[in-house]
PDB file of all heavy atoms in Angstrom:
ATOM      1  N   MET A   1     142.233 102.027  78.690  1.00  0.00           N
ATOM      2  CA  MET A   1     140.844 102.418  78.909  1.00  0.00           C
ATOM      3  C   MET A   1     139.942 101.965  77.761  1.00  0.00           C
ATOM      4  O   MET A   1     138.773 102.340  77.701  1.00  0.00           O
ATOM      5  CB  MET A   1     140.741 103.933  79.076  1.00  0.00           C
ATOM      6  CG  MET A   1     141.442 104.432  80.325  1.00  0.00           C
ATOM      7  SD  MET A   1     141.079 106.159  80.694  1.00  0.00           S
ATOM      8  CE  MET A   1     142.015 106.959  79.400  1.00  0.00           C
ATOM      9  N   TYR A   2     140.509 101.170  76.852  1.00  0.00           N
ATOM     10  CA  TYR A   2     139.785 100.775  75.646  1.00  0.00           C
ATOM     11  C   TYR A   2     139.604  99.264  75.559  1.00  0.00           C
ATOM     12  O   TYR A   2     140.531  98.491  75.838  1.00  0.00           O
ATOM     13  CB  TYR A   2     140.530 101.239  74.399  1.00  0.00           C
ATOM     14  CG  TYR A   2     140.478 102.739  74.186  1.00  0.00           C
ATOM     15  CD1 TYR A   2     141.233 103.605  74.970  1.00  0.00           C
ATOM     16  CD2 TYR A   2     139.666 103.278  73.205  1.00  0.00           C
ATOM     17  CE1 TYR A   2     141.171 104.974  74.778  1.00  0.00           C
ATOM     18  CE2 TYR A   2     139.601 104.639  72.998  1.00  0.00           C
ATOM     19  CZ  TYR A   2     140.362 105.490  73.796  1.00  0.00           C
ATOM     20  OH  TYR A   2     140.306 106.834  73.604  1.00  0.00           O
ATOM     21  N   ARG A   3     138.414  98.860  75.157  1.00  0.00           N
ATOM     22  CA  ARG A   3     138.199  97.496  74.703  1.00  0.00           C
ATOM     23  C   ARG A   3     138.799  97.382  73.316  1.00  0.00           C
ATOM     24  O   ARG A   3     138.644  98.271  72.472  1.00  0.00           O
ATOM     25  CB  ARG A   3     136.701  97.172  74.657  1.00  0.00           C
ATOM     26  CG  ARG A   3     136.360  95.902  73.878  1.00  0.00           C
ATOM     27  CD  ARG A   3     134.896  95.488  74.025  1.00  0.00           C
ATOM     28  NE  ARG A   3     133.963  96.587  74.005  1.00  0.00           N
ATOM     29  CZ  ARG A   3     133.460  97.144  72.892  1.00  0.00           C
ATOM     30  NH1 ARG A   3     133.803  96.694  71.707  1.00  0.00           N
ATOM     31  NH2 ARG A   3     132.585  98.147  72.973  1.00  0.00           N
ATOM     32  N   VAL A   4     139.507  96.285  73.064  1.00  0.00           N
ATOM     33  CA  VAL A   4     140.186  96.102  71.782  1.00  0.00           C
ATOM     34  C   VAL A   4     139.733  94.789  71.147  1.00  0.00           C
ATOM     35  O   VAL A   4     139.579  93.772  71.827  1.00  0.00           O
ATOM     36  CB  VAL A   4     141.713  96.098  71.962  1.00  0.00           C
ATOM     37  CG1 VAL A   4     142.417  95.786  70.639  1.00  0.00           C
ATOM     38  CG2 VAL A   4     142.185  97.449  72.496  1.00  0.00           C
ATOM     39  N   GLY A   5     139.529  94.841  69.852  1.00  0.00           N
ATOM     40  CA  GLY A   5     139.140  93.653  69.114  1.00  0.00           C
ATOM     41  C   GLY A   5     140.045  93.419  67.916  1.00  0.00           C
ATOM     42  O   GLY A   5     140.720  94.335  67.442  1.00  0.00           O
ATOM     43  N   TRP A   6     140.062  92.188  67.458  1.00  0.00           N
ATOM     44  CA  TRP A   6     140.770  91.814  66.236  1.00  0.00           C
ATOM     45  C   TRP A   6     139.760  91.332  65.202  1.00  0.00           C
ATOM     46  O   TRP A   6     138.849  90.567  65.519  1.00  0.00           O
ATOM     47  CB  TRP A   6     141.782  90.706  66.495  1.00  0.00           C
ATOM     48  CG  TRP A   6     143.025  91.155  67.187  1.00  0.00           C
ATOM     49  CD1 TRP A   6     143.297  91.081  68.513  1.00  0.00           C
ATOM     50  CD2 TRP A   6     144.165  91.763  66.578  1.00  0.00           C
ATOM     51  NE1 TRP A   6     144.543  91.594  68.774  1.00  0.00           N
ATOM     52  CE2 TRP A   6     145.108  92.024  67.598  1.00  0.00           C
ATOM     53  CE3 TRP A   6     144.499  92.101  65.265  1.00  0.00           C
ATOM     54  CZ2 TRP A   6     146.352  92.609  67.355  1.00  0.00           C
ATOM     55  CZ3 TRP A   6     145.735  92.691  65.015  1.00  0.00           C
ATOM     56  CH2 TRP A   6     146.647  92.934  66.057  1.00  0.00           C
ATOM     57  N   PHE A   7     139.969  91.777  63.978  1.00  0.00           N
ATOM     58  CA  PHE A   7     139.142  91.388  62.842  1.00  0.00           C
ATOM     59  C   PHE A   7     140.061  90.960  61.702  1.00  0.00           C
ATOM     60  O   PHE A   7     141.255  91.238  61.715  1.00  0.00           O
ATOM     61  CB  PHE A   7     138.302  92.581  62.360  1.00  0.00           C
ATOM     62  CG  PHE A   7     137.249  93.022  63.342  1.00  0.00           C
ATOM     63  CD1 PHE A   7     137.588  93.762  64.472  1.00  0.00           C
ATOM     64  CD2 PHE A   7     135.918  92.711  63.130  1.00  0.00           C
ATOM     65  CE1 PHE A   7     136.623  94.170  65.376  1.00  0.00           C
ATOM     66  CE2 PHE A   7     134.936  93.111  64.025  1.00  0.00           C
ATOM     67  CZ  PHE A   7     135.301  93.841  65.142  1.00  0.00           C
ATOM     68  N   ARG A   8     139.480  90.315  60.702  1.00  0.00           N
ATOM     69  CA  ARG A   8     140.234  90.012  59.493  1.00  0.00           C
ATOM     70  C   ARG A   8     139.309  90.098  58.286  1.00  0.00           C
ATOM     71  O   ARG A   8     138.089  89.946  58.407  1.00  0.00           O
ATOM     72  CB  ARG A   8     140.888  88.635  59.550  1.00  0.00           C
ATOM     73  CG  ARG A   8     139.927  87.465  59.517  1.00  0.00           C
ATOM     74  CD  ARG A   8     140.679  86.158  59.700  1.00  0.00           C
ATOM     75  NE  ARG A   8     139.766  85.006  59.722  1.00  0.00           N
ATOM     76  CZ  ARG A   8     140.146  83.779  60.056  1.00  0.00           C
ATOM     77  NH1 ARG A   8     141.423  83.535  60.396  1.00  0.00           N
ATOM     78  NH2 ARG A   8     139.280  82.795  60.053  1.00  0.00           N
ATOM     79  N   GLN A   9     139.924  90.344  57.142  1.00  0.00           N
ATOM     80  CA  GLN A   9     139.164  90.405  55.899  1.00  0.00           C
ATOM     81  C   GLN A   9     139.966  89.753  54.793  1.00  0.00           C
ATOM     82  O   GLN A   9     141.059  90.207  54.457  1.00  0.00           O
ATOM     83  CB  GLN A   9     138.817  91.845  55.530  1.00  0.00           C
ATOM     84  CG  GLN A   9     137.861  91.944  54.363  1.00  0.00           C
ATOM     85  CD  GLN A   9     137.290  93.340  54.205  1.00  0.00           C
ATOM     86  OE1 GLN A   9     137.852  94.329  54.684  1.00  0.00           O
ATOM     87  NE2 GLN A   9     136.140  93.441  53.571  1.00  0.00           N
ATOM     88  N   ALA A  10     139.426  88.679  54.255  1.00  0.00           N
ATOM     89  CA  ALA A  10     140.039  87.997  53.125  1.00  0.00           C
ATOM     90  C   ALA A  10     139.501  88.615  51.832  1.00  0.00           C
ATOM     91  O   ALA A  10     138.408  89.198  51.824  1.00  0.00           O
ATOM     92  CB  ALA A  10     139.728  86.516  53.182  1.00  0.00           C
ATOM     93  N   PRO A  11     140.222  88.484  50.733  1.00  0.00           N
ATOM     94  CA  PRO A  11     139.770  89.063  49.462  1.00  0.00           C
ATOM     95  C   PRO A  11     138.373  88.582  49.084  1.00  0.00           C
ATOM     96  O   PRO A  11     138.086  87.383  49.121  1.00  0.00           O
ATOM     97  CB  PRO A  11     140.811  88.568  48.462  1.00  0.00           C
ATOM     98  CG  PRO A  11     142.039  88.350  49.276  1.00  0.00           C
ATOM     99  CD  PRO A  11     141.546  87.856  50.602  1.00  0.00           C
ATOM    100  N   GLY A  12     137.508  89.525  48.768  1.00  0.00           N
ATOM    101  CA  GLY A  12     136.163  89.196  48.339  1.00  0.00           C
ATOM    102  C   GLY A  12     135.218  88.771  49.444  1.00  0.00           C
ATOM    103  O   GLY A  12     134.079  88.370  49.170  1.00  0.00           O
ATOM    104  N   GLN A  13     135.669  88.878  50.689  1.00  0.00           N
ATOM    105  CA  GLN A  13     134.822  88.454  51.807  1.00  0.00           C
ATOM    106  C   GLN A  13     134.567  89.604  52.770  1.00  0.00           C
ATOM    107  O   GLN A  13     135.290  90.598  52.770  1.00  0.00           O
ATOM    108  CB  GLN A  13     135.494  87.290  52.550  1.00  0.00           C
ATOM    109  CG  GLN A  13     135.658  86.036  51.698  1.00  0.00           C
ATOM    110  CD  GLN A  13     136.150  84.860  52.512  1.00  0.00           C
ATOM    111  OE1 GLN A  13     135.971  84.789  53.728  1.00  0.00           O
ATOM    112  NE2 GLN A  13     136.770  83.901  51.823  1.00  0.00           N
ATOM    113  N   ALA A  14     133.539  89.455  53.576  1.00  0.00           N
ATOM    114  CA  ALA A  14     133.224  90.467  54.581  1.00  0.00           C
ATOM    115  C   ALA A  14     134.232  90.416  55.717  1.00  0.00           C
ATOM    116  O   ALA A  14     134.895  89.392  55.939  1.00  0.00           O
ATOM    117  CB  ALA A  14     131.819  90.231  55.120  1.00  0.00           C
ATOM    118  N   ARG A  15     134.349  91.536  56.409  1.00  0.00           N
ATOM    119  CA  ARG A  15     135.223  91.563  57.568  1.00  0.00           C
ATOM    120  C   ARG A  15     134.639  90.665  58.661  1.00  0.00           C
ATOM    121  O   ARG A  15     133.438  90.701  58.929  1.00  0.00           O
ATOM    122  CB  ARG A  15     135.379  92.993  58.071  1.00  0.00           C
ATOM    123  CG  ARG A  15     136.494  93.176  59.077  1.00  0.00           C
ATOM    124  CD  ARG A  15     136.723  94.643  59.381  1.00  0.00           C
ATOM    125  NE  ARG A  15     137.243  95.366  58.230  1.00  0.00           N
ATOM    126  CZ  ARG A  15     137.641  96.633  58.277  1.00  0.00           C
ATOM    127  NH1 ARG A  15     137.541  97.310  59.407  1.00  0.00           N
ATOM    128  NH2 ARG A  15     138.090  97.218  57.200  1.00  0.00           N
ATOM    129  N   GLU A  16     135.514  89.886  59.289  1.00  0.00           N
ATOM    130  CA  GLU A  16     135.104  88.901  60.284  1.00  0.00           C
ATOM    131  C   GLU A  16     135.695  89.246  61.645  1.00  0.00           C
ATOM    132  O   GLU A  16     136.902  89.463  61.765  1.00  0.00           O
ATOM    133  CB  GLU A  16     135.595  87.507  59.855  1.00  0.00           C
ATOM    134  CG  GLU A  16     135.334  86.404  60.851  1.00  0.00           C
ATOM    135  CD  GLU A  16     136.024  85.094  60.484  1.00  0.00           C
ATOM    136  OE1 GLU A  16     136.889  85.093  59.580  1.00  0.00           O
ATOM    137  OE2 GLU A  16     135.704  84.058  61.119  1.00  0.00           O
ATOM    138  N   GLY A  17     134.862  89.291  62.662  1.00  0.00           N
ATOM    139  CA  GLY A  17     135.339  89.498  64.017  1.00  0.00           C
ATOM    140  C   GLY A  17     135.952  88.227  64.554  1.00  0.00           C
ATOM    141  O   GLY A  17     135.380  87.142  64.400  1.00  0.00           O
ATOM    142  N   LEU A  18     137.108  88.346  65.192  1.00  0.00           N
ATOM    143  CA  LEU A  18     137.837  87.184  65.684  1.00  0.00           C
ATOM    144  C   LEU A  18     137.857  87.082  67.203  1.00  0.00           C
ATOM    145  O   LEU A  18     137.671  85.997  67.767  1.00  0.00           O
ATOM    146  CB  LEU A  18     139.277  87.223  65.192  1.00  0.00           C
ATOM    147  CG  LEU A  18     139.487  87.286  63.685  1.00  0.00           C
ATOM    148  CD1 LEU A  18     140.966  87.414  63.369  1.00  0.00           C
ATOM    149  CD2 LEU A  18     138.884  86.074  63.001  1.00  0.00           C
ATOM    150  N   SER A  19     138.127  88.198  67.856  1.00  0.00           N
ATOM    151  CA  SER A  19     138.314  88.159  69.293  1.00  0.00           C
ATOM    152  C   SER A  19     138.241  89.567  69.849  1.00  0.00           C
ATOM    153  O   SER A  19     138.428  90.549  69.121  1.00  0.00           O
ATOM    154  CB  SER A  19     139.681  87.538  69.613  1.00  0.00           C
ATOM    155  OG  SER A  19     139.860  87.411  71.010  1.00  0.00           O
ATOM    156  N   CYS A  20     137.963  89.671  71.141  1.00  0.00           N
ATOM    157  CA  CYS A  20     138.038  90.976  71.803  1.00  0.00           C
ATOM    158  C   CYS A  20     138.441  90.761  73.255  1.00  0.00           C
ATOM    159  O   CYS A  20     138.324  89.654  73.796  1.00  0.00           O
ATOM    160  CB  CYS A  20     136.732  91.747  71.687  1.00  0.00           C
ATOM    161  SG  CYS A  20     135.296  90.961  72.436  1.00  0.00           S
ATOM    162  N   ILE A  21     138.920  91.842  73.854  1.00  0.00           N
ATOM    163  CA  ILE A  21     139.422  91.774  75.219  1.00  0.00           C
ATOM    164  C   ILE A  21     139.022  93.040  75.955  1.00  0.00           C
ATOM    165  O   ILE A  21     139.044  94.141  75.395  1.00  0.00           O
ATOM    166  CB  ILE A  21     140.963  91.567  75.208  1.00  0.00           C
ATOM    167  CG1 ILE A  21     141.493  91.297  76.610  1.00  0.00           C
ATOM    168  CG2 ILE A  21     141.674  92.755  74.555  1.00  0.00           C
ATOM    169  CD1 ILE A  21     142.928  90.779  76.618  1.00  0.00           C
ATOM    170  N   SER A  22     138.655  92.878  77.213  1.00  0.00           N
ATOM    171  CA  SER A  22     138.254  94.024  78.020  1.00  0.00           C
ATOM    172  C   SER A  22     139.459  94.918  78.309  1.00  0.00           C
ATOM    173  O   SER A  22     140.615  94.504  78.146  1.00  0.00           O
ATOM    174  CB  SER A  22     137.626  93.535  79.329  1.00  0.00           C
ATOM    175  OG  SER A  22     138.562  92.757  80.063  1.00  0.00           O
ATOM    176  N   SER A  23     139.174  96.128  78.762  1.00  0.00           N
ATOM    177  CA  SER A  23     140.257  97.079  78.992  1.00  0.00           C
ATOM    178  C   SER A  23     141.244  96.589  80.046  1.00  0.00           C
ATOM    179  O   SER A  23     142.441  96.880  79.951  1.00  0.00           O
ATOM    180  CB  SER A  23     139.677  98.439  79.402  1.00  0.00           C
ATOM    181  OG  SER A  23     138.843  98.295  80.540  1.00  0.00           O
ATOM    182  N   ASN A  24     140.763  95.823  81.022  1.00  0.00           N
ATOM    183  CA  ASN A  24     141.677  95.332  82.059  1.00  0.00           C
ATOM    184  C   ASN A  24     142.277  93.976  81.725  1.00  0.00           C
ATOM    185  O   ASN A  24     143.067  93.429  82.497  1.00  0.00           O
ATOM    186  CB  ASN A  24     140.973  95.268  83.420  1.00  0.00           C
ATOM    187  CG  ASN A  24     139.824  94.269  83.440  1.00  0.00           C
ATOM    188  OD1 ASN A  24     139.584  93.550  82.468  1.00  0.00           O
ATOM    189  ND2 ASN A  24     139.104  94.230  84.547  1.00  0.00           N
ATOM    190  N   GLY A  25     141.892  93.424  80.592  1.00  0.00           N
ATOM    191  CA  GLY A  25     142.475  92.168  80.133  1.00  0.00           C
ATOM    192  C   GLY A  25     141.926  90.915  80.770  1.00  0.00           C
ATOM    193  O   GLY A  25     142.384  89.810  80.471  1.00  0.00           O
ATOM    194  N   LYS A  26     140.924  91.059  81.629  1.00  0.00           N
ATOM    195  CA  LYS A  26     140.448  89.896  82.382  1.00  0.00           C
ATOM    196  C   LYS A  26     139.336  89.128  81.679  1.00  0.00           C
ATOM    197  O   LYS A  26     138.974  88.027  82.096  1.00  0.00           O
ATOM    198  CB  LYS A  26     139.975  90.338  83.764  1.00  0.00           C
ATOM    199  CG  LYS A  26     141.100  90.855  84.648  1.00  0.00           C
ATOM    200  CD  LYS A  26     140.589  91.231  86.030  1.00  0.00           C
ATOM    201  CE  LYS A  26     141.728  91.706  86.917  1.00  0.00           C
ATOM    202  NZ  LYS A  26     141.242  92.080  88.278  1.00  0.00           N
ATOM    203  N   SER A  27     138.779  89.691  80.645  1.00  0.00           N
ATOM    204  CA  SER A  27     137.659  89.058  79.963  1.00  0.00           C
ATOM    205  C   SER A  27     137.906  89.055  78.463  1.00  0.00           C
ATOM    206  O   SER A  27     138.343  90.069  77.899  1.00  0.00           O
ATOM    207  CB  SER A  27     136.382  89.831  80.282  1.00  0.00           C
ATOM    208  OG  SER A  27     135.264  89.256  79.644  1.00  0.00           O
ATOM    209  N   THR A  28     137.639  87.905  77.829  1.00  0.00           N
ATOM    210  CA  THR A  28     137.874  87.764  76.395  1.00  0.00           C
ATOM    211  C   THR A  28     136.715  87.019  75.732  1.00  0.00           C
ATOM    212  O   THR A  28     135.949  86.303  76.402  1.00  0.00           O
ATOM    213  CB  THR A  28     139.174  86.982  76.110  1.00  0.00           C
ATOM    214  OG1 THR A  28     139.073  85.684  76.700  1.00  0.00           O
ATOM    215  CG2 THR A  28     140.392  87.707  76.675  1.00  0.00           C
ATOM    216  N   GLN A  29     136.590  87.187  74.431  1.00  0.00           N
ATOM    217  CA  GLN A  29     135.626  86.453  73.627  1.00  0.00           C
ATOM    218  C   GLN A  29     136.319  86.046  72.321  1.00  0.00           C
ATOM    219  O   GLN A  29     137.218  86.746  71.844  1.00  0.00           O
ATOM    220  CB  GLN A  29     134.397  87.310  73.299  1.00  0.00           C
ATOM    221  CG  GLN A  29     133.526  87.644  74.496  1.00  0.00           C
ATOM    222  CD  GLN A  29     132.669  86.480  74.932  1.00  0.00           C
ATOM    223  OE1 GLN A  29     132.506  85.508  74.200  1.00  0.00           O
ATOM    224  NE2 GLN A  29     132.112  86.566  76.138  1.00  0.00           N
ATOM    225  N   TYR A  30     135.863  84.927  71.740  1.00  0.00           N
ATOM    226  CA  TYR A  30     136.452  84.429  70.497  1.00  0.00           C
ATOM    227  C   TYR A  30     135.367  83.964  69.540  1.00  0.00           C
ATOM    228  O   TYR A  30     134.312  83.462  69.964  1.00  0.00           O
ATOM    229  CB  TYR A  30     137.376  83.235  70.773  1.00  0.00           C
ATOM    230  CG  TYR A  30     138.603  83.570  71.569  1.00  0.00           C
ATOM    231  CD1 TYR A  30     138.617  83.462  72.947  1.00  0.00           C
ATOM    232  CD2 TYR A  30     139.767  84.007  70.927  1.00  0.00           C
ATOM    233  CE1 TYR A  30     139.746  83.783  73.688  1.00  0.00           C
ATOM    234  CE2 TYR A  30     140.901  84.327  71.655  1.00  0.00           C
ATOM    235  CZ  TYR A  30     140.882  84.210  73.028  1.00  0.00           C
ATOM    236  OH  TYR A  30     142.010  84.532  73.742  1.00  0.00           O
ATOM    237  N   ALA A  31     135.666  84.101  68.254  1.00  0.00           N
ATOM    238  CA  ALA A  31     134.825  83.485  67.246  1.00  0.00           C
ATOM    239  C   ALA A  31     135.106  81.981  67.222  1.00  0.00           C
ATOM    240  O   ALA A  31     136.222  81.539  67.508  1.00  0.00           O
ATOM    241  CB  ALA A  31     135.132  84.084  65.874  1.00  0.00           C
ATOM    242  N   GLY A  32     134.094  81.222  66.836  1.00  0.00           N
ATOM    243  CA  GLY A  32     134.269  79.776  66.791  1.00  0.00           C
ATOM    244  C   GLY A  32     135.360  79.333  65.832  1.00  0.00           C
ATOM    245  O   GLY A  32     136.004  78.300  66.042  1.00  0.00           O
ATOM    246  N   SER A  33     135.585  80.126  64.782  1.00  0.00           N
ATOM    247  CA  SER A  33     136.567  79.749  63.767  1.00  0.00           C
ATOM    248  C   SER A  33     138.002  79.790  64.272  1.00  0.00           C
ATOM    249  O   SER A  33     138.895  79.192  63.663  1.00  0.00           O
ATOM    250  CB  SER A  33     136.423  80.674  62.552  1.00  0.00           C
ATOM    251  OG  SER A  33     136.604  82.026  62.934  1.00  0.00           O
ATOM    252  N   VAL A  34     138.235  80.496  65.379  1.00  0.00           N
ATOM    253  CA  VAL A  34     139.604  80.636  65.881  1.00  0.00           C
ATOM    254  C   VAL A  34     139.762  80.168  67.314  1.00  0.00           C
ATOM    255  O   VAL A  34     140.890  80.098  67.825  1.00  0.00           O
ATOM    256  CB  VAL A  34     140.107  82.093  65.753  1.00  0.00           C
ATOM    257  CG1 VAL A  34     140.033  82.545  64.291  1.00  0.00           C
ATOM    258  CG2 VAL A  34     139.340  83.024  66.664  1.00  0.00           C
TER     259      VAL A  34
END
């Protein structure tokens, strides 16, 4: 029932959003870097 996202944070840098997926898994989004 939850949308889930992945983020990352390198030392000394801001947290970066990478990807997310809808609760049913049918829709996704990605950052250009990945």
